[in-house]
């Protein structure tokens, strides 16, 4: 037996509380800052207020296209797509593009014509047709003859299924239309769902993209200006104002910020950045273990951390270090050989991480009660 009598210690790591400035007050109609799994809603104003959301509507369009349409399926731009105007690829009448390319145009460039073509090609899929027919039966309504109207029916059925209680869709693109509305709370929920898709997440973080015949720039001007921002979607019309659902990651800590109804693009970007900065400021980046930190010795061999460990801690979060190592070495060990570990555990989140403890030199091979254990009062 190489090791004998494992010693286990529980040490409380003294971590100062994270501090943040006073919460920002954006110039907007509604906003939220959320840390999923790390405190939830950090700040909110009118999260359930029903408002037009403009191209944030395309979060649902993308969601349904990803669910029902193969990426290799081909859509054809009809007259309704070509005539839609506003933000567009633009697609030519009769132009053919794959669903994958159309999703890129929709998510990166917020293309309205891509939204229309995606509605058509999605409703050509048998599973989408069946879902729309089922939704019509549940509502006691006839199934619309127009494919885009059937797609909108499916959008609203999916909103009900997902629990988006403040949301009603009227189009797949989000241009102003009476009766269309959603809320910051519903936008947040759908943005989080969409960001679980690897393809959506990749496209939402792109500043530019090329599809056959077109080079497209992102509509999300904050992507180039805010470190760690990786999505998700913009939206703007005269009625809706300037809107942004944003996702950002810093050192493994993810926040979402939703802002609806800003007066212009500069105010929107500035206030979303302030919301994210404030949210990240509530969490302290703490070094919990230093590389090479010594945790004990046995037989003349020191036991040190093989690497460091840092983590973003919640305000007031307490962390314990659980150290497991041998009291004696019954056989010689090599330098760098693993001898035990230190585990970092939070009462709120459970295990944060585990760092191996290794020998800082070759040695051992005879019983040696650890002086370090004596120094802290253990036998």
Protein backbone atom coordinates (compact mmCIF):
# COMPACT_ATOMS: atom_id res chain seq x y z
CA UNK A 1 0.00 0.00 0.00
CA UNK A 2 1.54 3.30 -1.09
CA UNK A 3 -0.60 5.65 1.03
CA UNK A 4 -1.90 5.22 4.57
CA UNK A 5 -4.52 6.87 6.78
CA UNK A 6 -6.12 9.45 4.50
CA UNK A 7 -6.71 12.78 6.25
CA UNK A 8 -9.83 14.84 5.49
CA UNK A 9 -10.19 18.48 6.39
CA UNK A 10 -12.96 21.01 5.89
CA UNK A 11 -11.67 24.56 5.64
CA UNK A 12 -13.78 27.68 5.13
CA UNK A 13 -12.29 29.88 2.44
CA UNK A 14 -12.58 33.57 3.42
CA UNK A 15 -14.02 35.30 0.35
CA UNK A 16 -15.03 38.98 0.39
CA UNK A 17 -18.57 39.77 -0.68
CA UNK A 18 -19.09 40.85 -4.28
CA UNK A 19 -20.20 44.44 -4.62
CA UNK A 20 -22.08 46.21 -7.40
CA UNK A 21 -23.02 49.79 -8.10
CA UNK A 22 -26.61 50.96 -7.89
CA UNK A 23 -28.77 49.31 -10.55
CA UNK A 24 -28.95 51.19 -13.86
CA UNK A 25 -32.24 52.70 -14.98
CA UNK A 26 -32.40 52.35 -18.79
CA UNK A 27 -34.33 54.72 -21.01
CA UNK A 28 -36.72 52.01 -22.19
CA UNK A 29 -40.16 50.55 -21.57
CA UNK A 30 -39.13 47.21 -20.07
CA UNK A 31 -35.95 45.35 -19.15
CA UNK A 32 -34.59 42.32 -17.35
CA UNK A 33 -31.18 40.99 -16.26
CA UNK A 34 -31.07 37.28 -15.51
CA UNK A 35 -28.35 34.88 -14.36
CA UNK A 36 -29.69 31.39 -15.21
CA UNK A 37 -28.94 28.99 -12.37
CA UNK A 38 -27.01 31.67 -10.48
CA UNK A 39 -29.62 33.81 -8.80
CA UNK A 40 -32.23 34.01 -11.56
CA UNK A 41 -33.74 37.45 -12.07
CA UNK A 42 -31.29 40.09 -10.84
CA UNK A 43 -33.15 43.17 -12.05
CA UNK A 44 -36.41 43.80 -13.87
CA UNK A 45 -38.84 46.52 -14.85
CA UNK A 46 -42.26 45.76 -16.35
CA UNK A 47 -41.25 42.20 -17.32
CA UNK A 48 -44.84 41.22 -18.21
CA UNK A 49 -45.86 44.39 -20.04
CA UNK A 50 -47.30 43.50 -23.44
CA UNK A 51 -45.53 45.32 -26.26
CA UNK A 52 -44.77 44.94 -29.93
CA UNK A 53 -41.33 43.34 -30.25
CA UNK A 54 -40.54 43.80 -33.95
CA UNK A 55 -37.92 41.33 -35.23
CA UNK A 56 -37.62 39.57 -31.88
CA UNK A 57 -40.58 37.73 -33.42
CA UNK A 58 -37.97 35.90 -35.51
CA UNK A 59 -36.87 34.00 -32.40
CA UNK A 60 -40.02 31.92 -32.87
CA UNK A 61 -39.60 31.73 -36.67
CA UNK A 62 -36.12 30.31 -36.18
CA UNK A 63 -37.33 27.97 -33.44
CA UNK A 64 -39.98 26.40 -35.68
CA UNK A 65 -37.75 26.19 -38.75
CA UNK A 66 -35.07 24.43 -36.70
CA UNK A 67 -37.67 22.07 -35.28
CA UNK A 68 -39.45 21.06 -38.48
CA UNK A 69 -37.37 21.84 -41.58
CA UNK A 70 -34.21 19.98 -42.68
CA UNK A 71 -31.28 22.36 -43.14
CA UNK A 72 -30.82 21.03 -46.67
CA UNK A 73 -34.43 21.68 -47.71
CA UNK A 74 -34.72 24.38 -50.37
CA UNK A 75 -37.03 27.38 -50.21
CA UNK A 76 -38.00 29.54 -53.19
CA UNK A 77 -38.54 33.30 -52.87
CA UNK A 78 -42.07 34.16 -54.00
CA UNK A 79 -43.70 37.50 -54.58
CA UNK A 80 -44.70 37.88 -50.93
CA UNK A 81 -41.08 37.53 -49.81
CA UNK A 82 -39.69 39.87 -52.45
CA UNK A 83 -42.26 42.56 -51.67
CA UNK A 84 -41.85 42.55 -47.86
CA UNK A 85 -39.15 45.25 -47.76
CA UNK A 86 -37.42 46.73 -44.72
CA UNK A 87 -34.45 44.63 -43.60
CA UNK A 88 -33.94 42.00 -46.32
CA UNK A 89 -31.26 39.90 -48.01
CA UNK A 90 -32.60 40.91 -50.63
CA UNK A 91 -33.78 37.77 -52.37
CA UNK A 92 -34.72 37.86 -56.04
CA UNK A 93 -38.01 36.47 -57.28
CA UNK A 94 -37.58 32.73 -57.75
CA UNK A 95 -34.24 32.65 -55.90
CA UNK A 96 -33.55 29.33 -54.22
CA UNK A 97 -31.78 29.03 -50.86
CA UNK A 98 -31.44 26.21 -48.37
CA UNK A 99 -33.05 26.38 -44.96
CA UNK A 100 -29.55 26.63 -43.47
CA UNK A 101 -28.78 29.72 -45.56
CA UNK A 102 -32.17 31.27 -44.83
CA UNK A 103 -31.66 30.76 -41.10
CA UNK A 104 -28.29 32.49 -41.37
CA UNK A 105 -29.94 35.46 -43.10
CA UNK A 106 -32.74 35.50 -40.52
CA UNK A 107 -30.61 35.27 -37.37
CA UNK A 108 -27.56 37.29 -38.42
CA UNK A 109 -29.08 39.93 -40.70
CA UNK A 110 -32.71 39.86 -39.44
CA UNK A 111 -33.92 39.41 -43.02
CA UNK A 112 -37.70 39.73 -43.41
CA UNK A 113 -37.73 38.04 -46.82
CA UNK A 114 -35.91 35.04 -45.31
CA UNK A 115 -38.62 34.83 -42.65
CA UNK A 116 -41.33 34.58 -45.31
CA UNK A 117 -39.49 31.90 -47.30
CA UNK A 118 -38.79 29.93 -44.10
CA UNK A 119 -42.51 30.02 -43.30
CA UNK A 120 -43.29 28.53 -46.72
CA UNK A 121 -40.64 25.81 -46.64
CA UNK A 122 -41.44 24.87 -43.04
CA UNK A 123 -45.10 24.39 -43.89
CA UNK A 124 -44.11 22.03 -46.71
CA UNK A 125 -42.90 19.56 -44.06
CA UNK A 126 -45.44 16.87 -43.08
CA UNK A 127 -44.80 17.21 -39.34
CA UNK A 128 -45.42 20.97 -39.47
CA UNK A 129 -48.58 20.45 -41.52
CA UNK A 130 -49.87 17.97 -38.95
CA UNK A 131 -49.03 20.30 -36.05
CA UNK A 132 -50.84 23.22 -37.70
CA UNK A 133 -53.90 21.08 -38.39
CA UNK A 134 -53.95 19.96 -34.76
CA UNK A 135 -53.69 23.57 -33.58
CA UNK A 136 -56.62 24.57 -35.79
CA UNK A 137 -58.75 21.71 -34.39
CA UNK A 138 -57.93 22.70 -30.82
CA UNK A 139 -59.03 26.27 -31.53
CA UNK A 140 -62.13 25.17 -33.43
CA UNK A 141 -61.02 27.14 -36.48
CA UNK A 142 -60.62 26.19 -40.13
CA UNK A 143 -57.05 25.62 -41.25
CA UNK A 144 -55.93 28.68 -43.25
CA UNK A 145 -55.25 28.11 -46.92
CA UNK A 146 -52.25 30.45 -47.05
CA UNK A 147 -49.01 28.73 -45.93
CA UNK A 148 -47.76 31.85 -44.11
CA UNK A 149 -51.05 32.11 -42.19
CA UNK A 150 -50.71 28.42 -41.26
CA UNK A 151 -47.18 29.12 -40.05
CA UNK A 152 -48.43 31.98 -37.87
CA UNK A 153 -51.08 29.64 -36.46
CA UNK A 154 -48.26 27.23 -35.61
CA UNK A 155 -46.23 30.06 -34.04
CA UNK A 156 -49.05 30.86 -31.64
CA UNK A 157 -49.66 27.19 -30.85
CA UNK A 158 -45.99 26.79 -29.99
CA UNK A 159 -46.10 29.93 -27.84
CA UNK A 160 -48.93 28.38 -25.82
CA UNK A 161 -47.04 25.10 -25.54
CA UNK A 162 -43.95 26.89 -24.22
CA UNK A 163 -45.96 28.92 -21.71
CA UNK A 164 -45.40 32.30 -23.40
CA UNK A 165 -48.53 33.76 -21.87
CA UNK A 166 -47.96 37.36 -22.97
CA UNK A 167 -47.30 36.55 -26.63
CA UNK A 168 -49.42 36.73 -29.77
CA UNK A 169 -47.86 36.57 -33.23
CA UNK A 170 -49.33 38.00 -36.43
CA UNK A 171 -46.43 37.54 -38.86
CA UNK A 172 -43.20 35.50 -39.11
CA UNK A 173 -41.09 38.68 -39.41
CA UNK A 174 -42.44 41.07 -36.79
CA UNK A 175 -43.25 44.17 -38.81
CA UNK A 176 -45.93 46.25 -37.09
CA UNK A 177 -49.30 44.50 -37.19
CA UNK A 178 -52.32 45.15 -34.94
CA UNK A 179 -52.71 42.57 -32.18
CA UNK A 180 -49.09 41.39 -32.14
CA UNK A 181 -47.37 41.60 -28.76
CA UNK A 182 -45.04 39.89 -26.33
CA UNK A 183 -43.14 40.79 -23.13
CA UNK A 184 -39.58 40.91 -21.84
CA UNK A 185 -40.33 37.80 -19.79
CA UNK A 186 -41.51 35.80 -22.81
CA UNK A 187 -38.67 37.05 -25.01
CA UNK A 188 -36.18 35.92 -22.35
CA UNK A 189 -37.67 32.44 -22.18
CA UNK A 190 -37.64 31.93 -25.94
CA UNK A 191 -34.15 33.40 -26.32
CA UNK A 192 -32.82 30.90 -23.78
CA UNK A 193 -34.55 28.04 -25.62
CA UNK A 194 -33.10 29.12 -28.97
CA UNK A 195 -29.60 29.48 -27.54
CA UNK A 196 -29.65 25.77 -26.63
CA UNK A 197 -29.44 25.03 -30.37
CA UNK A 198 -25.77 24.86 -31.41
CA UNK A 199 -26.59 26.23 -34.86
CA UNK A 200 -28.66 29.12 -33.55
CA UNK A 201 -26.00 29.94 -30.93
CA UNK A 202 -23.26 29.98 -33.57
CA UNK A 203 -25.23 32.20 -35.95
CA UNK A 204 -26.36 34.58 -33.19
CA UNK A 205 -22.73 35.34 -32.39
CA UNK A 206 -21.64 36.04 -36.00
CA UNK A 207 -20.90 39.61 -37.05
CA UNK A 208 -21.08 38.75 -40.76
CA UNK A 209 -21.91 35.75 -42.87
CA UNK A 210 -22.01 34.74 -46.53
CA UNK A 211 -24.77 32.74 -48.18
CA UNK A 212 -24.85 31.92 -51.91
CA UNK A 213 -24.87 35.23 -53.77
CA UNK A 214 -24.96 37.46 -50.67
CA UNK A 215 -22.67 38.82 -47.97
CA UNK A 216 -24.61 39.88 -44.87
CA UNK A 217 -23.75 41.97 -41.80
CA UNK A 218 -25.24 41.44 -38.36
CA UNK A 219 -28.05 43.66 -37.15
CA UNK A 220 -26.62 43.40 -33.61
CA UNK A 221 -24.20 46.33 -33.38
CA UNK A 222 -23.36 45.49 -29.76
CA UNK A 223 -21.61 42.25 -30.79
CA UNK A 224 -18.51 44.15 -31.90
CA UNK A 225 -18.52 46.50 -28.91
CA UNK A 226 -19.17 44.33 -25.82
CA UNK A 227 -16.66 41.70 -24.74
CA UNK A 228 -18.29 38.31 -24.20
CA UNK A 229 -21.55 39.09 -26.02
CA UNK A 230 -22.58 36.08 -28.11
CA UNK A 231 -26.22 36.67 -29.08
CA UNK A 232 -29.09 36.71 -29.42
CA UNK A 233 -31.39 39.03 -31.50
CA UNK A 234 -32.35 42.61 -32.29
CA UNK A 235 -35.69 44.14 -33.23
CA UNK A 236 -36.87 47.58 -34.34
CA UNK A 237 -39.98 49.18 -35.79
CA UNK A 238 -41.59 52.58 -35.22
CA UNK A 239 -44.20 51.07 -32.89
CA UNK A 240 -41.89 48.70 -31.02
CA UNK A 241 -38.91 51.01 -30.60
CA UNK A 242 -35.40 49.58 -30.40
CA UNK A 243 -35.18 46.16 -28.77
CA UNK A 244 -32.43 43.71 -27.94
CA UNK A 245 -32.26 40.28 -26.36
CA UNK A 246 -28.61 39.85 -25.37
CA UNK A 247 -26.55 36.99 -23.99
CA UNK A 248 -23.01 37.37 -22.67
CA UNK A 249 -20.46 35.09 -21.03
CA UNK A 250 -17.54 36.11 -18.82
CA UNK A 251 -15.29 33.48 -17.31
CA UNK A 252 -18.01 30.85 -17.53
CA UNK A 253 -20.65 33.15 -16.02
CA UNK A 254 -23.63 33.73 -18.36
CA UNK A 255 -26.13 36.58 -18.19
CA UNK A 256 -29.13 37.50 -20.32
CA UNK A 257 -30.33 41.07 -20.70
CA UNK A 258 -33.63 41.94 -22.39
CA UNK A 259 -34.43 45.55 -23.27
CA UNK A 260 -37.63 46.66 -25.02
CA UNK A 261 -38.68 50.07 -26.31
CA UNK A 262 -35.46 52.10 -26.30
CA UNK A 263 -35.68 55.42 -28.18
CA UNK A 264 -32.82 54.68 -30.58
CA UNK A 265 -29.98 52.26 -31.31
CA UNK A 266 -27.25 54.08 -29.31
CA UNK A 267 -29.45 54.21 -26.19
CA UNK A 268 -30.36 50.55 -26.66
CA UNK A 269 -26.76 49.40 -26.92
CA UNK A 270 -25.53 51.62 -24.10
CA UNK A 271 -28.26 50.53 -21.70
CA UNK A 272 -27.90 46.82 -22.47
CA UNK A 273 -24.16 47.14 -21.85
CA UNK A 274 -24.88 48.90 -18.54
CA UNK A 275 -27.33 46.18 -17.51
CA UNK A 276 -24.79 43.45 -18.28
CA UNK A 277 -21.95 45.31 -16.55
CA UNK A 278 -24.09 45.74 -13.45
CA UNK A 279 -25.08 42.08 -13.49
CA UNK A 280 -21.52 40.83 -13.86
CA UNK A 281 -20.45 43.28 -11.17
CA UNK A 282 -22.55 41.40 -8.64
CA UNK A 283 -20.32 38.36 -9.01
CA UNK A 284 -16.76 38.27 -7.69
CA UNK A 285 -14.01 36.42 -9.61
CA UNK A 286 -12.20 34.72 -6.72
CA UNK A 287 -9.04 32.61 -6.75
CA UNK A 288 -9.98 29.59 -4.66
CA UNK A 289 -6.77 27.59 -5.13
CA UNK A 290 -3.37 28.90 -6.23
CA UNK A 291 -1.14 26.79 -8.53
CA UNK A 292 1.49 25.15 -6.36
CA UNK A 293 -0.34 25.99 -3.12
CA UNK A 294 0.89 23.67 -0.35
CA UNK A 295 -1.71 21.61 1.52
CA UNK A 296 0.49 19.38 3.68
CA UNK A 297 3.41 16.95 3.66
CA UNK A 298 4.26 13.33 4.46
CA UNK A 299 7.64 11.57 4.52
CA UNK A 300 9.37 14.79 3.58
CA UNK A 301 7.20 15.20 0.46
CA UNK A 302 5.09 18.31 0.06
CA UNK A 303 1.56 18.03 -1.34
CA UNK A 304 0.77 20.94 -3.66
CA UNK A 305 -2.02 21.94 -6.02
CA UNK A 306 -1.39 20.73 -9.58
CA UNK A 307 -3.20 23.79 -10.97
CA UNK A 308 -5.18 26.80 -9.85
CA UNK A 309 -8.92 27.24 -9.67
CA UNK A 310 -10.94 30.45 -9.89
CA UNK A 311 -14.70 30.95 -10.00
CA UNK A 312 -17.30 33.71 -10.09
CA UNK A 313 -19.02 33.75 -6.71
CA UNK A 314 -22.45 35.05 -5.84
CA UNK A 315 -22.68 37.94 -3.36
CA UNK A 316 -22.00 36.57 0.13
CA UNK A 317 -21.39 33.03 -1.15
CA UNK A 318 -19.40 30.83 1.25
CA UNK A 319 -16.96 28.22 -0.08
CA UNK A 320 -15.44 25.24 1.73
CA UNK A 321 -12.25 23.43 0.78
CA UNK A 322 -12.41 19.68 1.42
CA UNK A 323 -8.86 18.33 1.48
CA UNK A 324 -8.17 14.61 1.10
CA UNK A 325 -4.52 13.47 1.38
CA UNK A 326 -2.37 10.73 2.98
CA UNK A 327 -0.87 11.07 6.46
CA UNK A 328 1.94 8.62 5.58
CA UNK A 329 3.67 7.39 2.44
CA UNK A 330 4.41 3.67 2.62
CA UNK A 331 6.41 3.66 -0.63
CA UNK A 332 8.47 6.17 -2.55
CA UNK A 333 6.60 8.50 -4.87
CA UNK A 334 7.72 10.44 -7.93
CA UNK A 335 7.69 14.20 -8.28
CA UNK A 336 4.30 15.21 -9.74
CA UNK A 337 2.60 11.95 -8.67
CA UNK A 338 -1.01 12.46 -7.61
CA UNK A 339 -1.50 11.98 -3.87
CA UNK A 340 -4.91 13.45 -3.08
CA UNK A 341 -7.18 16.33 -4.00
CA UNK A 342 -8.86 19.46 -2.75
CA UNK A 343 -12.57 19.88 -3.49
CA UNK A 344 -14.25 23.30 -3.55
CA UNK A 345 -17.87 23.20 -2.46
CA UNK A 346 -20.53 25.90 -2.12
CA UNK A 347 -23.61 25.54 0.02
CA UNK A 348 -25.64 27.07 -2.81
CA UNK A 349 -24.26 25.23 -5.83
CA UNK A 350 -22.60 22.11 -4.50
CA UNK A 351 -19.22 21.14 -5.96
CA UNK A 352 -17.53 24.01 -7.82
CA UNK A 353 -14.43 22.05 -8.77
CA UNK A 354 -11.73 19.63 -7.70
CA UNK A 355 -7.96 20.14 -7.95
CA UNK A 356 -5.42 17.28 -7.75
CA UNK A 357 -2.71 17.46 -5.08
CA UNK A 358 0.67 16.15 -6.28
CA UNK A 359 4.09 15.47 -4.80
CA UNK A 360 6.43 18.45 -5.02
CA UNK A 361 9.47 16.13 -4.99
CA UNK A 362 10.42 12.46 -4.98
CA UNK A 363 10.52 10.85 -1.57
CA UNK A 364 8.58 8.96 1.07
CA UNK A 365 8.95 5.29 1.81
CA UNK A 366 8.82 5.45 5.62
CA UNK A 367 6.10 6.40 8.12
CA UNK A 368 6.06 10.09 8.79
CA UNK A 369 3.25 11.66 10.75
CA UNK A 370 2.53 14.96 9.12
CA UNK A 371 3.76 17.93 11.07
CA UNK A 372 1.19 20.05 9.31
CA UNK A 373 -1.61 17.95 10.78
CA UNK A 374 -0.17 18.50 14.26
CA UNK A 375 0.02 22.22 13.64
CA UNK A 376 -3.74 22.42 13.19
CA UNK A 377 -4.54 20.21 16.14
CA UNK A 378 -5.20 16.87 14.45
CA UNK A 379 -3.63 13.65 15.84
